[in-house]
Structure formats: C-alpha cells, structure tokens
Amino acid sequence: MFTNSETTRQFIARHFRKRRTPLTEAAILEAIAAPRSKYDVYWGVLALRDCGTARSVPALKGLLHYPMQDVKDCSLLTIARIAGAAETPFYLEALALKGSRKTYPMWAIEAAADARAIPAVVELVNAALRKANRPKPADPGDAYLSGLKFFARMGLDRPEFQSSLDLLTKAWPNLAEGHRTVLSGILPGSDQRR
C-alpha cells in the first residue's frame, strides 16, 4: 500500500545525496523540520514511506496544512502506510476539513481505516451519489469510488451500507463509464445495475 516505485526511490536518493542527507528516519525528519527548500519536505515525505516508523507520524500530521498540495496529499498516504488503521481519526479529520480535496483522505481511508470511518464514508458516498441522481445529474467526483472500495473491504453486507448501495443502483446509468467499469470490478452484481 502506497509503496514508492524504484524511479521514485532514485529521485529521493538523488535529492538527498545532493544535500548530503542520509536516508534515515532521523535525518529525513530533520530535513522536513528545517527544510532548505520545499522539495526537502516533498521528497522527505515520500522517503518516510520506506524508512519511517510511528515516530514520523506527528511530523507528517503537522504537514496537513502545508502550502504545497502534493505535500499535504502525500503526507496522508504516508501516514496510512506507516500507521494503518491506528490513524483512522486523523484521516477523518483530513476528510472533514473545509475546502480540502476529498480524494486523498478517502484513498487513505480506503486502504487503511477501520470501522470508525463508516459513518463519514457513508455520508460522503451518499452525497456524491445524490448528485448523480439529480434531474440534471452532476459529476459526483472520484472520492466516492474509494468509499465504495472501503465498503467492499469492510464487507458489503453491513446494514450501514444499504442506503449507499440503493443510491448506487439508482445512479448507475448516470455514472461515467470509467466509474462503472471500476465498480463492476469491485462490487458483485454491479453489471446487473445497468
């Protein structure tokens, strides 16, 4: 989950080699705390996916309001990789931020959150699907797809998910073909919604 590709590892190594910073958790945390450039923070967040432990989580959480969007987004995914379900409340906090992009918190929730996320995910999925069910359907965005993948991981037979699955059935014809393809691969019987 959220592993660095070999190419990303090479970019990280090249960046920190120029800075003479070893690729250790302590050194990377220092580079993030006192960056010489915004790229120290960005590449540092990604480096922590390989060398970070629970010790890194507070520093990564502190980046939720960082001015560079990629840093905010990558921090969430790095926390999900390092801490898993233990940080479910933080993913929910990030999801609830006004004006934030919902895709990355939902991606972290999809991959790592536990049952504590169910009410917030149901709310987000239902809101998105209601948009697709309007007389003039609106784009539901992409974040709801991670919500439905989270449902599949948690078990679709949960009663809490029924309202979302009912809305999905109604919205199915209004969803983008690419979304229907993704959903057909993760939700049993999705092809029968057509």
C-alpha atoms as a PDB file:
ATOM      1  CA  MET A   1       0.000   0.000   0.000  1.00  0.00           C
ATOM      2  CA  PHE A   2       1.427   3.343  -1.142  1.00  0.00           C
ATOM      3  CA  THR A   3       4.895   1.994  -1.816  1.00  0.00           C
ATOM      4  CA  ASN A   4       7.486   4.014  -3.676  1.00  0.00           C
ATOM      5  CA  SER A   5       8.391   2.892  -7.161  1.00  0.00           C
ATOM      6  CA  GLU A   6      12.032   2.278  -7.971  1.00  0.00           C
ATOM      7  CA  THR A   7      12.028   5.502 -10.007  1.00  0.00           C
ATOM      8  CA  THR A   8      10.681   7.483  -7.031  1.00  0.00           C
ATOM      9  CA  ARG A   9      13.361   5.944  -4.810  1.00  0.00           C
ATOM     10  CA  GLN A  10      16.011   7.067  -7.280  1.00  0.00           C
ATOM     11  CA  PHE A  11      14.660  10.647  -7.244  1.00  0.00           C
ATOM     12  CA  ILE A  12      14.601  10.620  -3.430  1.00  0.00           C
ATOM     13  CA  ALA A  13      18.162   9.293  -3.245  1.00  0.00           C
ATOM     14  CA  ARG A  14      19.413  11.825  -5.807  1.00  0.00           C
ATOM     15  CA  HIS A  15      17.746  14.737  -3.984  1.00  0.00           C
ATOM     16  CA  PHE A  16      19.126  13.853  -0.559  1.00  0.00           C
ATOM     17  CA  ARG A  17      22.554  12.854  -1.898  1.00  0.00           C
ATOM     18  CA  LYS A  18      22.914  16.434  -3.200  1.00  0.00           C
ATOM     19  CA  ARG A  19      22.077  17.636   0.316  1.00  0.00           C
ATOM     20  CA  ARG A  20      24.423  15.093   1.908  1.00  0.00           C
ATOM     21  CA  THR A  21      21.484  13.847   3.954  1.00  0.00           C
ATOM     22  CA  PRO A  22      21.443  10.132   4.761  1.00  0.00           C
ATOM     23  CA  LEU A  23      18.230   8.248   4.079  1.00  0.00           C
ATOM     24  CA  THR A  24      17.466   7.534   7.709  1.00  0.00           C
ATOM     25  CA  GLU A  25      14.305   8.405   9.560  1.00  0.00           C
ATOM     26  CA  ALA A  26      16.092  10.833  11.896  1.00  0.00           C
ATOM     27  CA  ALA A  27      17.869  12.665   9.069  1.00  0.00           C
ATOM     28  CA  ILE A  28      14.732  12.907   6.955  1.00  0.00           C
ATOM     29  CA  LEU A  29      12.708  14.229   9.898  1.00  0.00           C
ATOM     30  CA  GLU A  30      15.389  16.894  10.430  1.00  0.00           C
ATOM     31  CA  ALA A  31      15.216  17.844   6.746  1.00  0.00           C
ATOM     32  CA  ILE A  32      11.430  18.193   6.987  1.00  0.00           C
ATOM     33  CA  ALA A  33      11.624  20.239  10.212  1.00  0.00           C
ATOM     34  CA  ALA A  34      14.210  22.690   8.832  1.00  0.00           C
ATOM     35  CA  PRO A  35      13.928  22.484   5.056  1.00  0.00           C
ATOM     36  CA  ARG A  36      16.262  24.319   2.748  1.00  0.00           C
ATOM     37  CA  SER A  37      13.619  24.042   0.018  1.00  0.00           C
ATOM     38  CA  LYS A  38      10.062  22.810  -0.360  1.00  0.00           C
ATOM     39  CA  TYR A  39      11.480  19.780  -2.149  1.00  0.00           C
ATOM     40  CA  ASP A  40      13.194  18.669   1.056  1.00  0.00           C
ATOM     41  CA  VAL A  41       9.718  18.352   2.533  1.00  0.00           C
ATOM     42  CA  TYR A  42       8.150  16.703  -0.524  1.00  0.00           C
ATOM     43  CA  TRP A  43      10.903  14.121  -1.073  1.00  0.00           C
ATOM     44  CA  GLY A  44      11.217  13.659   2.686  1.00  0.00           C
ATOM     45  CA  VAL A  45       7.556  12.714   2.995  1.00  0.00           C
ATOM     46  CA  LEU A  46       7.999  10.149   0.248  1.00  0.00           C
ATOM     47  CA  ALA A  47      11.263   8.862   1.769  1.00  0.00           C
ATOM     48  CA  LEU A  48       9.446   8.178   5.041  1.00  0.00           C
ATOM     49  CA  ARG A  49       7.342   5.569   3.222  1.00  0.00           C
ATOM     50  CA  ASP A  50      10.500   3.460   3.133  1.00  0.00           C
ATOM     51  CA  CYS A  51      12.209   4.372   6.408  1.00  0.00           C
ATOM     52  CA  GLY A  52       9.514   5.931   8.587  1.00  0.00           C
ATOM     53  CA  THR A  53       8.051   4.473  11.755  1.00  0.00           C
ATOM     54  CA  ALA A  54       5.404   5.639  14.214  1.00  0.00           C
ATOM     55  CA  ARG A  55       7.969   8.249  15.281  1.00  0.00           C
ATOM     56  CA  SER A  56       7.379  10.027  11.942  1.00  0.00           C
ATOM     57  CA  VAL A  57       3.618  10.292  12.261  1.00  0.00           C
ATOM     58  CA  PRO A  58       3.474  13.520  14.342  1.00  0.00           C
ATOM     59  CA  ALA A  59       5.710  15.345  11.840  1.00  0.00           C
ATOM     60  CA  LEU A  60       3.622  14.065   8.939  1.00  0.00           C
ATOM     61  CA  LYS A  61       0.403  15.147  10.662  1.00  0.00           C
ATOM     62  CA  GLY A  62       1.884  18.610  11.027  1.00  0.00           C
ATOM     63  CA  LEU A  63       2.001  18.856   7.237  1.00  0.00           C
ATOM     64  CA  LEU A  64      -1.792  18.701   6.834  1.00  0.00           C
ATOM     65  CA  HIS A  65      -1.830  22.492   6.383  1.00  0.00           C
ATOM     66  CA  TYR A  66       1.413  22.781   4.405  1.00  0.00           C
ATOM     67  CA  PRO A  67       1.119  25.246   1.493  1.00  0.00           C
ATOM     68  CA  MET A  68       2.123  22.695  -1.192  1.00  0.00           C
ATOM     69  CA  GLN A  69      -0.867  20.469  -2.021  1.00  0.00           C
ATOM     70  CA  ASP A  70       1.284  17.499  -3.052  1.00  0.00           C
ATOM     71  CA  VAL A  71       2.910  17.515   0.382  1.00  0.00           C
ATOM     72  CA  LYS A  72      -0.478  17.502   2.136  1.00  0.00           C
ATOM     73  CA  ASP A  73      -1.744  14.661  -0.041  1.00  0.00           C
ATOM     74  CA  CYS A  74       1.408  12.544   0.132  1.00  0.00           C
ATOM     75  CA  SER A  75       1.615  13.010   3.914  1.00  0.00           C
ATOM     76  CA  LEU A  76      -1.804  11.408   4.329  1.00  0.00           C
ATOM     77  CA  LEU A  77      -0.831   8.419   2.237  1.00  0.00           C
ATOM     78  CA  THR A  78       2.500   8.059   4.027  1.00  0.00           C
ATOM     79  CA  ILE A  79       0.692   8.069   7.380  1.00  0.00           C
ATOM     80  CA  ALA A  80      -1.652   5.374   6.042  1.00  0.00           C
ATOM     81  CA  ARG A  81       1.362   3.300   5.018  1.00  0.00           C
ATOM     82  CA  ILE A  82       3.136   3.709   8.356  1.00  0.00           C
ATOM     83  CA  ALA A  83       0.267   3.709  10.862  1.00  0.00           C
ATOM     84  CA  GLY A  84      -2.627   1.955   9.134  1.00  0.00           C
ATOM     85  CA  ALA A  85      -5.941   1.873  10.977  1.00  0.00           C
ATOM     86  CA  ALA A  86      -4.486   3.434  14.130  1.00  0.00           C
ATOM     87  CA  GLU A  87      -4.781   6.852  12.470  1.00  0.00           C
ATOM     88  CA  THR A  88      -8.406   6.500  11.333  1.00  0.00           C
ATOM     89  CA  PRO A  89      -9.427   9.596  13.360  1.00  0.00           C
ATOM     90  CA  PHE A  90      -6.771  11.637  11.548  1.00  0.00           C
ATOM     91  CA  TYR A  91      -7.997  10.527   8.109  1.00  0.00           C
ATOM     92  CA  LEU A  92     -11.484  11.595   9.179  1.00  0.00           C
ATOM     93  CA  GLU A  93     -10.140  14.954  10.371  1.00  0.00           C
ATOM     94  CA  ALA A  94      -8.483  15.496   6.984  1.00  0.00           C
ATOM     95  CA  LEU A  95     -11.678  14.471   5.204  1.00  0.00           C
ATOM     96  CA  ALA A  96     -13.734  16.956   7.246  1.00  0.00           C
ATOM     97  CA  LEU A  97     -11.507  19.973   6.521  1.00  0.00           C
ATOM     98  CA  LYS A  98     -13.489  22.651   4.734  1.00  0.00           C
ATOM     99  CA  GLY A  99     -12.265  23.306   1.227  1.00  0.00           C
ATOM    100  CA  SER A 100      -9.960  20.289   1.155  1.00  0.00           C
ATOM    101  CA  ARG A 101      -9.734  17.835  -1.689  1.00  0.00           C
ATOM    102  CA  LYS A 102     -11.510  14.679  -0.562  1.00  0.00           C
ATOM    103  CA  THR A 103      -9.739  12.222  -2.851  1.00  0.00           C
ATOM    104  CA  TYR A 104      -6.589  11.684  -0.773  1.00  0.00           C
ATOM    105  CA  PRO A 105      -8.237  11.323   2.646  1.00  0.00           C
ATOM    106  CA  MET A 106     -10.659   8.877   1.035  1.00  0.00           C
ATOM    107  CA  TRP A 107      -7.781   6.979  -0.538  1.00  0.00           C
ATOM    108  CA  ALA A 108      -6.142   6.684   2.891  1.00  0.00           C
ATOM    109  CA  ILE A 109      -9.472   5.539   4.348  1.00  0.00           C
ATOM    110  CA  GLU A 110      -9.995   3.025   1.541  1.00  0.00           C
ATOM    111  CA  ALA A 111      -6.625   1.432   2.180  1.00  0.00           C
ATOM    112  CA  ALA A 112      -6.128   1.724   5.922  1.00  0.00           C
ATOM    113  CA  ALA A 113      -9.088   2.939   8.001  1.00  0.00           C
ATOM    114  CA  ASP A 114     -11.164   0.766  10.285  1.00  0.00           C
ATOM    115  CA  ALA A 115     -14.893   0.701  11.059  1.00  0.00           C
ATOM    116  CA  ARG A 116     -14.721   4.078  12.823  1.00  0.00           C
ATOM    117  CA  ALA A 117     -14.755   5.647   9.348  1.00  0.00           C
ATOM    118  CA  ILE A 118     -18.050   4.075   8.282  1.00  0.00           C
ATOM    119  CA  PRO A 119     -20.428   6.963   9.162  1.00  0.00           C
ATOM    120  CA  ALA A 120     -18.291   9.609   7.416  1.00  0.00           C
ATOM    121  CA  VAL A 121     -17.759   7.429   4.350  1.00  0.00           C
ATOM    122  CA  VAL A 122     -21.470   6.635   4.056  1.00  0.00           C
ATOM    123  CA  GLU A 123     -22.205  10.360   4.262  1.00  0.00           C
ATOM    124  CA  LEU A 124     -19.680  11.201   1.530  1.00  0.00           C
ATOM    125  CA  VAL A 125     -20.758   8.373  -0.783  1.00  0.00           C
ATOM    126  CA  ASN A 126     -24.446   9.225  -0.366  1.00  0.00           C
ATOM    127  CA  ALA A 127     -23.835  12.934  -1.077  1.00  0.00           C
ATOM    128  CA  ALA A 128     -21.892  12.074  -4.247  1.00  0.00           C
ATOM    129  CA  LEU A 129     -24.500   9.624  -5.489  1.00  0.00           C
ATOM    130  CA  ARG A 130     -27.318  12.093  -4.805  1.00  0.00           C
ATOM    131  CA  LYS A 131     -25.554  14.479  -7.202  1.00  0.00           C
ATOM    132  CA  ALA A 132     -25.650  11.789  -9.876  1.00  0.00           C
ATOM    133  CA  ASN A 133     -29.355  11.180  -9.152  1.00  0.00           C
ATOM    134  CA  ARG A 134     -30.480  14.777  -9.692  1.00  0.00           C
ATOM    135  CA  PRO A 135     -32.876  15.539 -12.576  1.00  0.00           C
ATOM    136  CA  LYS A 136     -29.843  17.161 -14.201  1.00  0.00           C
ATOM    137  CA  PRO A 137     -27.110  14.800 -12.964  1.00  0.00           C
ATOM    138  CA  ALA A 138     -23.952  16.419 -11.633  1.00  0.00           C
ATOM    139  CA  ASP A 139     -20.460  14.946 -11.561  1.00  0.00           C
ATOM    140  CA  PRO A 140     -20.075  13.054  -8.266  1.00  0.00           C
ATOM    141  CA  GLY A 141     -16.282  13.400  -8.372  1.00  0.00           C
ATOM    142  CA  ASP A 142     -13.927  10.484  -7.746  1.00  0.00           C
ATOM    143  CA  ALA A 143     -13.706  10.289  -3.951  1.00  0.00           C
ATOM    144  CA  TYR A 144     -16.876   8.191  -3.661  1.00  0.00           C
ATOM    145  CA  LEU A 145     -15.136   5.388  -5.586  1.00  0.00           C
ATOM    146  CA  SER A 146     -12.677   4.985  -2.715  1.00  0.00           C
ATOM    147  CA  GLY A 147     -15.659   4.983  -0.377  1.00  0.00           C
ATOM    148  CA  LEU A 148     -17.260   2.093  -2.232  1.00  0.00           C
ATOM    149  CA  LYS A 149     -13.936   0.230  -2.275  1.00  0.00           C
ATOM    150  CA  PHE A 150     -13.770   0.771   1.502  1.00  0.00           C
ATOM    151  CA  PHE A 151     -17.283  -0.736   1.763  1.00  0.00           C
ATOM    152  CA  ALA A 152     -16.105  -3.774  -0.200  1.00  0.00           C
ATOM    153  CA  ARG A 153     -13.099  -4.179   2.108  1.00  0.00           C
ATOM    154  CA  MET A 154     -15.282  -3.871   5.216  1.00  0.00           C
ATOM    155  CA  GLY A 155     -17.964  -6.252   3.877  1.00  0.00           C
ATOM    156  CA  LEU A 156     -20.859  -5.122   1.723  1.00  0.00           C
ATOM    157  CA  ASP A 157     -23.400  -6.979   3.852  1.00  0.00           C
ATOM    158  CA  ARG A 158     -23.233  -4.347   6.624  1.00  0.00           C
ATOM    159  CA  PRO A 159     -26.625  -2.668   7.106  1.00  0.00           C
ATOM    160  CA  GLU A 160     -24.909   0.759   7.299  1.00  0.00           C
ATOM    161  CA  PHE A 161     -24.039   0.478   3.605  1.00  0.00           C
ATOM    162  CA  GLN A 162     -27.538  -0.303   2.328  1.00  0.00           C
ATOM    163  CA  SER A 163     -28.571   3.330   1.718  1.00  0.00           C
ATOM    164  CA  SER A 164     -25.436   3.881  -0.363  1.00  0.00           C
ATOM    165  CA  LEU A 165     -25.931   0.697  -2.364  1.00  0.00           C
ATOM    166  CA  ASP A 166     -29.564   1.666  -3.052  1.00  0.00           C
ATOM    167  CA  LEU A 167     -28.447   5.103  -4.262  1.00  0.00           C
ATOM    168  CA  LEU A 168     -25.765   3.463  -6.400  1.00  0.00           C
ATOM    169  CA  THR A 169     -28.360   1.327  -8.148  1.00  0.00           C
ATOM    170  CA  LYS A 170     -30.423   4.437  -8.966  1.00  0.00           C
ATOM    171  CA  ALA A 171     -27.396   6.480 -10.053  1.00  0.00           C
ATOM    172  CA  TRP A 172     -25.766   3.717 -12.109  1.00  0.00           C
ATOM    173  CA  PRO A 173     -26.964   4.913 -15.562  1.00  0.00           C
ATOM    174  CA  ASN A 174     -25.736   8.448 -14.799  1.00  0.00           C
ATOM    175  CA  LEU A 175     -22.224   7.439 -13.752  1.00  0.00           C
ATOM    176  CA  ALA A 176     -19.289   7.808 -16.109  1.00  0.00           C
ATOM    177  CA  GLU A 177     -18.423   4.639 -17.996  1.00  0.00           C
ATOM    178  CA  GLY A 178     -14.990   4.547 -16.355  1.00  0.00           C
ATOM    179  CA  HIS A 179     -16.598   4.659 -12.909  1.00  0.00           C
ATOM    180  CA  ARG A 180     -18.992   1.850 -13.824  1.00  0.00           C
ATOM    181  CA  THR A 181     -16.042  -0.233 -15.041  1.00  0.00           C
ATOM    182  CA  VAL A 182     -14.157   0.284 -11.769  1.00  0.00           C
ATOM    183  CA  LEU A 183     -17.247  -0.505  -9.717  1.00  0.00           C
ATOM    184  CA  SER A 184     -18.051  -3.621 -11.752  1.00  0.00           C
ATOM    185  CA  GLY A 185     -14.674  -4.970 -10.733  1.00  0.00           C
ATOM    186  CA  ILE A 186     -15.201  -4.484  -7.000  1.00  0.00           C
ATOM    187  CA  LEU A 187     -18.929  -4.833  -6.356  1.00  0.00           C
ATOM    188  CA  PRO A 188     -20.617  -8.144  -7.052  1.00  0.00           C
ATOM    189  CA  GLY A 189     -23.647  -7.804  -9.300  1.00  0.00           C
ATOM    190  CA  SER A 190     -22.720  -4.286 -10.441  1.00  0.00           C
ATOM    191  CA  ASP A 191     -23.096  -5.289 -14.063  1.00  0.00           C
ATOM    192  CA  GLN A 192     -26.758  -6.094 -13.306  1.00  0.00           C
ATOM    193  CA  ARG A 193     -27.408  -2.472 -12.301  1.00  0.00           C
ATOM    194  CA  ARG A 194     -27.335  -1.396 -15.955  1.00  0.00           C
END
